[in-house]
Amino acid sequence: MVPKHPQPWIPSVPSLQRPTEKASERVGKDLGGVKTTPVRSVETGEFMLELWIEEGGEKRKLQEETAKNAHPSG
């Protein structure tokens, strides 16, 4: 019996993945303005894991729109 990992592996959102020849048009659309933040690095012998948070440009646009709607001018 193969042991089950306690947490599922979740790939990044398609809009934050670099496009390839076979990729759809949605892939990579949020890459402009990406902010990457390192969170944790774990090394166990020859195996190394790194955890990063990637934020796309769409998040920045949403924050700007929310701020504009909260404080309308005029």
PDB file of N, CA and C in Angstrom:
ATOM      1  N   MET A   1       0.833  -1.181   0.000  1.00  0.00           N
ATOM      2  CA  MET A   1       0.000   0.000   0.000  1.00  0.00           C
ATOM      3  C   MET A   1       0.885   1.255   0.000  1.00  0.00           C
ATOM      4  N   VAL A   2       0.581   2.178  -0.891  1.00  0.00           N
ATOM      5  CA  VAL A   2       1.326   3.430  -0.986  1.00  0.00           C
ATOM      6  C   VAL A   2       0.767   4.416   0.033  1.00  0.00           C
ATOM      7  N   PRO A   3       1.640   4.989   0.881  1.00  0.00           N
ATOM      8  CA  PRO A   3       1.132   5.943   1.877  1.00  0.00           C
ATOM      9  C   PRO A   3       0.600   7.204   1.191  1.00  0.00           C
ATOM     10  N   LYS A   4      -0.482   7.729   1.714  1.00  0.00           N
ATOM     11  CA  LYS A   4      -1.088   8.931   1.158  1.00  0.00           C
ATOM     12  C   LYS A   4      -0.496  10.161   1.846  1.00  0.00           C
ATOM     13  N   HIS A   5      -0.112  11.133   1.049  1.00  0.00           N
ATOM     14  CA  HIS A   5       0.432  12.371   1.590  1.00  0.00           C
ATOM     15  C   HIS A   5      -0.684  13.136   2.292  1.00  0.00           C
ATOM     16  N   PRO A   6      -0.399  13.781   3.430  1.00  0.00           N
ATOM     17  CA  PRO A   6      -1.458  14.463   4.192  1.00  0.00           C
ATOM     18  C   PRO A   6      -2.057  15.671   3.475  1.00  0.00           C
ATOM     19  N   GLN A   7      -1.330  16.269   2.544  1.00  0.00           N
ATOM     20  CA  GLN A   7      -1.854  17.424   1.830  1.00  0.00           C
ATOM     21  C   GLN A   7      -1.709  17.194   0.330  1.00  0.00           C
ATOM     22  N   PRO A   8      -2.730  17.580  -0.431  1.00  0.00           N
ATOM     23  CA  PRO A   8      -2.624  17.410  -1.891  1.00  0.00           C
ATOM     24  C   PRO A   8      -1.634  18.406  -2.487  1.00  0.00           C
ATOM     25  N   TRP A   9      -1.023  18.018  -3.603  1.00  0.00           N
ATOM     26  CA  TRP A   9      -0.137  18.926  -4.335  1.00  0.00           C
ATOM     27  C   TRP A   9      -1.003  19.811  -5.197  1.00  0.00           C
ATOM     28  N   ILE A  10      -0.894  21.111  -5.037  1.00  0.00           N
ATOM     29  CA  ILE A  10      -1.727  22.041  -5.785  1.00  0.00           C
ATOM     30  C   ILE A  10      -0.816  22.883  -6.677  1.00  0.00           C
ATOM     31  N   PRO A  11      -0.940  22.747  -7.996  1.00  0.00           N
ATOM     32  CA  PRO A  11      -0.105  23.546  -8.898  1.00  0.00           C
ATOM     33  C   PRO A  11      -0.538  25.017  -8.890  1.00  0.00           C
ATOM     34  N   SER A  12       0.310  25.878  -9.386  1.00  0.00           N
ATOM     35  CA  SER A  12      -0.037  27.290  -9.432  1.00  0.00           C
ATOM     36  C   SER A  12      -1.190  27.522 -10.403  1.00  0.00           C
ATOM     37  N   VAL A  13      -1.858  28.626 -10.226  1.00  0.00           N
ATOM     38  CA  VAL A  13      -2.977  29.007 -11.072  1.00  0.00           C
ATOM     39  C   VAL A  13      -2.472  29.166 -12.511  1.00  0.00           C
ATOM     40  N   PRO A  14      -3.223  28.687 -13.512  1.00  0.00           N
ATOM     41  CA  PRO A  14      -2.758  28.767 -14.905  1.00  0.00           C
ATOM     42  C   PRO A  14      -2.354  30.166 -15.349  1.00  0.00           C
ATOM     43  N   SER A  15      -3.043  31.196 -14.849  1.00  0.00           N
ATOM     44  CA  SER A  15      -2.718  32.557 -15.288  1.00  0.00           C
ATOM     45  C   SER A  15      -1.365  33.032 -14.776  1.00  0.00           C
ATOM     46  N   LEU A  16      -0.753  32.276 -13.828  1.00  0.00           N
ATOM     47  CA  LEU A  16       0.574  32.626 -13.328  1.00  0.00           C
ATOM     48  C   LEU A  16       1.657  31.691 -13.870  1.00  0.00           C
ATOM     49  N   GLN A  17       1.303  30.813 -14.796  1.00  0.00           N
ATOM     50  CA  GLN A  17       2.271  29.900 -15.387  1.00  0.00           C
ATOM     51  C   GLN A  17       2.762  30.451 -16.713  1.00  0.00           C
ATOM     52  N   ARG A  18       4.036  30.242 -16.978  1.00  0.00           N
ATOM     53  CA  ARG A  18       4.612  30.691 -18.243  1.00  0.00           C
ATOM     54  C   ARG A  18       3.969  29.920 -19.400  1.00  0.00           C
ATOM     55  N   PRO A  19       3.580  30.630 -20.465  1.00  0.00           N
ATOM     56  CA  PRO A  19       2.950  29.957 -21.600  1.00  0.00           C
ATOM     57  C   PRO A  19       3.911  29.027 -22.347  1.00  0.00           C
ATOM     58  N   THR A  20       3.380  27.976 -22.921  1.00  0.00           N
ATOM     59  CA  THR A  20       4.130  27.067 -23.787  1.00  0.00           C
ATOM     60  C   THR A  20       3.395  26.996 -25.122  1.00  0.00           C
ATOM     61  N   GLU A  21       3.948  26.267 -26.064  1.00  0.00           N
ATOM     62  CA  GLU A  21       3.314  26.155 -27.381  1.00  0.00           C
ATOM     63  C   GLU A  21       1.911  25.569 -27.282  1.00  0.00           C
ATOM     64  N   LYS A  22       1.693  24.639 -26.353  1.00  0.00           N
ATOM     65  CA  LYS A  22       0.404  23.959 -26.225  1.00  0.00           C
ATOM     66  C   LYS A  22      -0.545  24.661 -25.264  1.00  0.00           C
ATOM     67  N   ALA A  23      -0.092  25.719 -24.612  1.00  0.00           N
ATOM     68  CA  ALA A  23      -0.893  26.381 -23.577  1.00  0.00           C
ATOM     69  C   ALA A  23      -2.035  27.189 -24.185  1.00  0.00           C
ATOM     70  N   SER A  24      -3.095  27.340 -23.420  1.00  0.00           N
ATOM     71  CA  SER A  24      -4.222  28.152 -23.860  1.00  0.00           C
ATOM     72  C   SER A  24      -3.875  29.632 -23.704  1.00  0.00           C
ATOM     73  N   GLU A  25      -4.757  30.490 -24.202  1.00  0.00           N
ATOM     74  CA  GLU A  25      -4.524  31.939 -24.110  1.00  0.00           C
ATOM     75  C   GLU A  25      -4.574  32.443 -22.674  1.00  0.00           C
ATOM     76  N   ARG A  26      -5.310  31.743 -21.792  1.00  0.00           N
ATOM     77  CA  ARG A  26      -5.426  32.167 -20.388  1.00  0.00           C
ATOM     78  C   ARG A  26      -4.128  31.993 -19.626  1.00  0.00           C
ATOM     79  N   VAL A  27      -3.308  31.054 -20.049  1.00  0.00           N
ATOM     80  CA  VAL A  27      -2.062  30.781 -19.332  1.00  0.00           C
ATOM     81  C   VAL A  27      -1.141  31.983 -19.461  1.00  0.00           C
ATOM     82  N   GLY A  28      -0.645  32.454 -18.346  1.00  0.00           N
ATOM     83  CA  GLY A  28       0.333  33.536 -18.326  1.00  0.00           C
ATOM     84  C   GLY A  28      -0.237  34.932 -18.403  1.00  0.00           C
ATOM     85  N   LYS A  29      -1.572  35.090 -18.425  1.00  0.00           N
ATOM     86  CA  LYS A  29      -2.125  36.438 -18.597  1.00  0.00           C
ATOM     87  C   LYS A  29      -1.863  37.347 -17.400  1.00  0.00           C
ATOM     88  N   ASP A  30      -1.557  36.799 -16.235  1.00  0.00           N
ATOM     89  CA  ASP A  30      -1.288  37.607 -15.039  1.00  0.00           C
ATOM     90  C   ASP A  30       0.196  37.745 -14.732  1.00  0.00           C
ATOM     91  N   LEU A  31       1.063  37.384 -15.666  1.00  0.00           N
ATOM     92  CA  LEU A  31       2.489  37.423 -15.378  1.00  0.00           C
ATOM     93  C   LEU A  31       3.046  38.837 -15.292  1.00  0.00           C
ATOM     94  N   GLY A  32       2.435  39.783 -15.956  1.00  0.00           N
ATOM     95  CA  GLY A  32       2.920  41.157 -15.855  1.00  0.00           C
ATOM     96  C   GLY A  32       2.770  41.671 -14.443  1.00  0.00           C
ATOM     97  N   GLY A  33       3.826  42.166 -13.847  1.00  0.00           N
ATOM     98  CA  GLY A  33       3.756  42.703 -12.494  1.00  0.00           C
ATOM     99  C   GLY A  33       3.756  41.655 -11.409  1.00  0.00           C
ATOM    100  N   VAL A  34       4.265  40.480 -11.704  1.00  0.00           N
ATOM    101  CA  VAL A  34       4.281  39.423 -10.703  1.00  0.00           C
ATOM    102  C   VAL A  34       5.192  39.798  -9.545  1.00  0.00           C
ATOM    103  N   LYS A  35       4.691  39.561  -8.349  1.00  0.00           N
ATOM    104  CA  LYS A  35       5.483  39.765  -7.131  1.00  0.00           C
ATOM    105  C   LYS A  35       5.721  38.387  -6.538  1.00  0.00           C
ATOM    106  N   THR A  36       6.971  38.034  -6.306  1.00  0.00           N
ATOM    107  CA  THR A  36       7.314  36.735  -5.758  1.00  0.00           C
ATOM    108  C   THR A  36       7.950  36.926  -4.392  1.00  0.00           C
ATOM    109  N   THR A  37       7.421  36.202  -3.387  1.00  0.00           N
ATOM    110  CA  THR A  37       7.919  36.305  -2.014  1.00  0.00           C
ATOM    111  C   THR A  37       8.358  34.933  -1.527  1.00  0.00           C
ATOM    112  N   PRO A  38       9.641  34.776  -1.152  1.00  0.00           N
ATOM    113  CA  PRO A  38      10.068  33.488  -0.605  1.00  0.00           C
ATOM    114  C   PRO A  38       9.461  33.282   0.782  1.00  0.00           C
ATOM    115  N   VAL A  39       9.017  32.048   1.068  1.00  0.00           N
ATOM    116  CA  VAL A  39       8.398  31.759   2.350  1.00  0.00           C
ATOM    117  C   VAL A  39       9.261  30.822   3.174  1.00  0.00           C
ATOM    118  N   ARG A  40       9.655  29.693   2.572  1.00  0.00           N
ATOM    119  CA  ARG A  40      10.396  28.706   3.342  1.00  0.00           C
ATOM    120  C   ARG A  40      11.208  27.813   2.413  1.00  0.00           C
ATOM    121  N   SER A  41      12.335  27.359   2.910  1.00  0.00           N
ATOM    122  CA  SER A  41      13.185  26.420   2.189  1.00  0.00           C
ATOM    123  C   SER A  41      13.504  25.265   3.133  1.00  0.00           C
ATOM    124  N   VAL A  42      13.343  24.040   2.638  1.00  0.00           N
ATOM    125  CA  VAL A  42      13.613  22.853   3.450  1.00  0.00           C
ATOM    126  C   VAL A  42      14.554  21.950   2.666  1.00  0.00           C
ATOM    127  N   GLU A  43      15.652  21.546   3.288  1.00  0.00           N
ATOM    128  CA  GLU A  43      16.608  20.651   2.636  1.00  0.00           C
ATOM    129  C   GLU A  43      16.728  19.378   3.469  1.00  0.00           C
ATOM    130  N   THR A  44      16.535  18.238   2.814  1.00  0.00           N
ATOM    131  CA  THR A  44      16.669  16.947   3.481  1.00  0.00           C
ATOM    132  C   THR A  44      17.545  16.061   2.608  1.00  0.00           C
ATOM    133  N   GLY A  45      18.816  16.061   2.899  1.00  0.00           N
ATOM    134  CA  GLY A  45      19.737  15.278   2.076  1.00  0.00           C
ATOM    135  C   GLY A  45      19.834  15.847   0.676  1.00  0.00           C
ATOM    136  N   GLU A  46      19.519  15.018  -0.323  1.00  0.00           N
ATOM    137  CA  GLU A  46      19.587  15.469  -1.712  1.00  0.00           C
ATOM    138  C   GLU A  46      18.310  16.137  -2.185  1.00  0.00           C
ATOM    139  N   PHE A  47      17.297  16.147  -1.365  1.00  0.00           N
ATOM    140  CA  PHE A  47      16.004  16.695  -1.746  1.00  0.00           C
ATOM    141  C   PHE A  47      15.830  18.072  -1.120  1.00  0.00           C
ATOM    142  N   MET A  48      15.429  19.062  -1.942  1.00  0.00           N
ATOM    143  CA  MET A  48      15.235  20.417  -1.435  1.00  0.00           C
ATOM    144  C   MET A  48      13.905  20.963  -1.934  1.00  0.00           C
ATOM    145  N   LEU A  49      13.134  21.549  -1.043  1.00  0.00           N
ATOM    146  CA  LEU A  49      11.858  22.174  -1.377  1.00  0.00           C
ATOM    147  C   LEU A  49      11.924  23.660  -1.065  1.00  0.00           C
ATOM    148  N   GLU A  50      11.332  24.448  -1.924  1.00  0.00           N
ATOM    149  CA  GLU A  50      11.207  25.880  -1.673  1.00  0.00           C
ATOM    150  C   GLU A  50       9.750  26.261  -1.844  1.00  0.00           C
ATOM    151  N   LEU A  51       9.236  27.094  -0.958  1.00  0.00           N
ATOM    152  CA  LEU A  51       7.870  27.565  -1.026  1.00  0.00           C
ATOM    153  C   LEU A  51       7.895  29.068  -1.278  1.00  0.00           C
ATOM    154  N   TRP A  52       7.180  29.473  -2.313  1.00  0.00           N
ATOM    155  CA  TRP A  52       7.107  30.882  -2.697  1.00  0.00           C
ATOM    156  C   TRP A  52       5.650  31.285  -2.852  1.00  0.00           C
ATOM    157  N   ILE A  53       5.355  32.541  -2.650  1.00  0.00           N
ATOM    158  CA  ILE A  53       4.034  33.094  -2.952  1.00  0.00           C
ATOM    159  C   ILE A  53       4.198  33.948  -4.201  1.00  0.00           C
ATOM    160  N   GLU A  54       3.379  33.678  -5.209  1.00  0.00           N
ATOM    161  CA  GLU A  54       3.405  34.456  -6.440  1.00  0.00           C
ATOM    162  C   GLU A  54       2.105  35.243  -6.548  1.00  0.00           C
ATOM    163  N   GLU A  55       2.230  36.541  -6.776  1.00  0.00           N
ATOM    164  CA  GLU A  55       1.061  37.392  -6.938  1.00  0.00           C
ATOM    165  C   GLU A  55       1.089  37.995  -8.335  1.00  0.00           C
ATOM    166  N   GLY A  56      -0.018  37.905  -9.026  1.00  0.00           N
ATOM    167  CA  GLY A  56      -0.099  38.404 -10.390  1.00  0.00           C
ATOM    168  C   GLY A  56      -0.528  39.858 -10.451  1.00  0.00           C
ATOM    169  N   GLY A  57      -0.403  40.434 -11.630  1.00  0.00           N
ATOM    170  CA  GLY A  57      -0.786  41.819 -11.855  1.00  0.00           C
ATOM    171  C   GLY A  57      -2.266  42.063 -11.630  1.00  0.00           C
ATOM    172  N   GLU A  58      -3.091  41.038 -11.820  1.00  0.00           N
ATOM    173  CA  GLU A  58      -4.534  41.181 -11.638  1.00  0.00           C
ATOM    174  C   GLU A  58      -4.884  41.572 -10.203  1.00  0.00           C
ATOM    175  N   LYS A  59      -4.121  41.078  -9.226  1.00  0.00           N
ATOM    176  CA  LYS A  59      -4.362  41.420  -7.822  1.00  0.00           C
ATOM    177  C   LYS A  59      -4.131  42.914  -7.601  1.00  0.00           C
ATOM    178  N   ARG A  60      -3.068  43.449  -8.185  1.00  0.00           N
ATOM    179  CA  ARG A  60      -2.773  44.876  -8.035  1.00  0.00           C
ATOM    180  C   ARG A  60      -3.897  45.718  -8.641  1.00  0.00           C
ATOM    181  N   LYS A  61      -4.396  45.307  -9.819  1.00  0.00           N
ATOM    182  CA  LYS A  61      -5.490  46.041 -10.461  1.00  0.00           C
ATOM    183  C   LYS A  61      -6.735  46.039  -9.575  1.00  0.00           C
ATOM    184  N   LEU A  62      -7.039  44.890  -8.976  1.00  0.00           N
ATOM    185  CA  LEU A  62      -8.199  44.779  -8.100  1.00  0.00           C
ATOM    186  C   LEU A  62      -8.043  45.670  -6.870  1.00  0.00           C
ATOM    187  N   GLN A  63      -6.838  45.715  -6.299  1.00  0.00           N
ATOM    188  CA  GLN A  63      -6.595  46.563  -5.129  1.00  0.00           C
ATOM    189  C   GLN A  63      -6.767  48.038  -5.483  1.00  0.00           C
ATOM    190  N   GLU A  64      -6.266  48.442  -6.659  1.00  0.00           N
ATOM    191  CA  GLU A  64      -6.395  49.834  -7.088  1.00  0.00           C
ATOM    192  C   GLU A  64      -7.858  50.195  -7.324  1.00  0.00           C
ATOM    193  N   GLU A  65      -8.604  49.274  -7.948  1.00  0.00           N
ATOM    194  CA  GLU A  65     -10.019  49.517  -8.212  1.00  0.00           C
ATOM    195  C   GLU A  65     -10.809  49.613  -6.912  1.00  0.00           C
ATOM    196  N   THR A  66     -10.505  48.747  -5.955  1.00  0.00           N
ATOM    197  CA  THR A  66     -11.187  48.764  -4.662  1.00  0.00           C
ATOM    198  C   THR A  66     -10.903  50.069  -3.926  1.00  0.00           C
ATOM    199  N   ALA A  67      -9.649  50.518  -3.952  1.00  0.00           N
ATOM    200  CA  ALA A  67      -9.282  51.776  -3.288  1.00  0.00           C
ATOM    201  C   ALA A  67      -9.985  52.969  -3.947  1.00  0.00           C
ATOM    202  N   LYS A  68     -10.088  52.938  -5.276  1.00  0.00           N
ATOM    203  CA  LYS A  68     -10.741  54.040  -5.994  1.00  0.00           C
ATOM    204  C   LYS A  68     -12.235  54.078  -5.651  1.00  0.00           C
ATOM    205  N   ASN A  69     -12.870  52.922  -5.564  1.00  0.00           N
ATOM    206  CA  ASN A  69     -14.288  52.863  -5.229  1.00  0.00           C
ATOM    207  C   ASN A  69     -14.563  53.230  -3.780  1.00  0.00           C
ATOM    208  N   ALA A  70     -13.603  52.975  -2.893  1.00  0.00           N
ATOM    209  CA  ALA A  70     -13.776  53.318  -1.483  1.00  0.00           C
ATOM    210  C   ALA A  70     -13.651  54.818  -1.237  1.00  0.00           C
ATOM    211  N   HIS A  71     -12.851  55.494  -2.077  1.00  0.00           N
ATOM    212  CA  HIS A  71     -12.610  56.935  -1.939  1.00  0.00           C
ATOM    213  C   HIS A  71     -12.856  57.633  -3.273  1.00  0.00           C
ATOM    214  N   PRO A  72     -14.094  57.689  -3.738  1.00  0.00           N
ATOM    215  CA  PRO A  72     -14.363  58.338  -5.024  1.00  0.00           C
ATOM    216  C   PRO A  72     -14.064  59.825  -4.960  1.00  0.00           C
ATOM    217  N   SER A  73     -13.476  60.344  -6.010  1.00  0.00           N
ATOM    218  CA  SER A  73     -13.157  61.786  -6.042  1.00  0.00           C
ATOM    219  C   SER A  73     -14.357  62.541  -6.573  1.00  0.00           C
ATOM    220  N   GLY A  74     -14.564  63.749  -6.064  1.00  0.00           N
ATOM    221  CA  GLY A  74     -15.616  64.606  -6.566  1.00  0.00           C
ATOM    222  C   GLY A  74     -16.793  64.533  -5.755  1.00  0.00           C
TER     223      GLY A  74
END
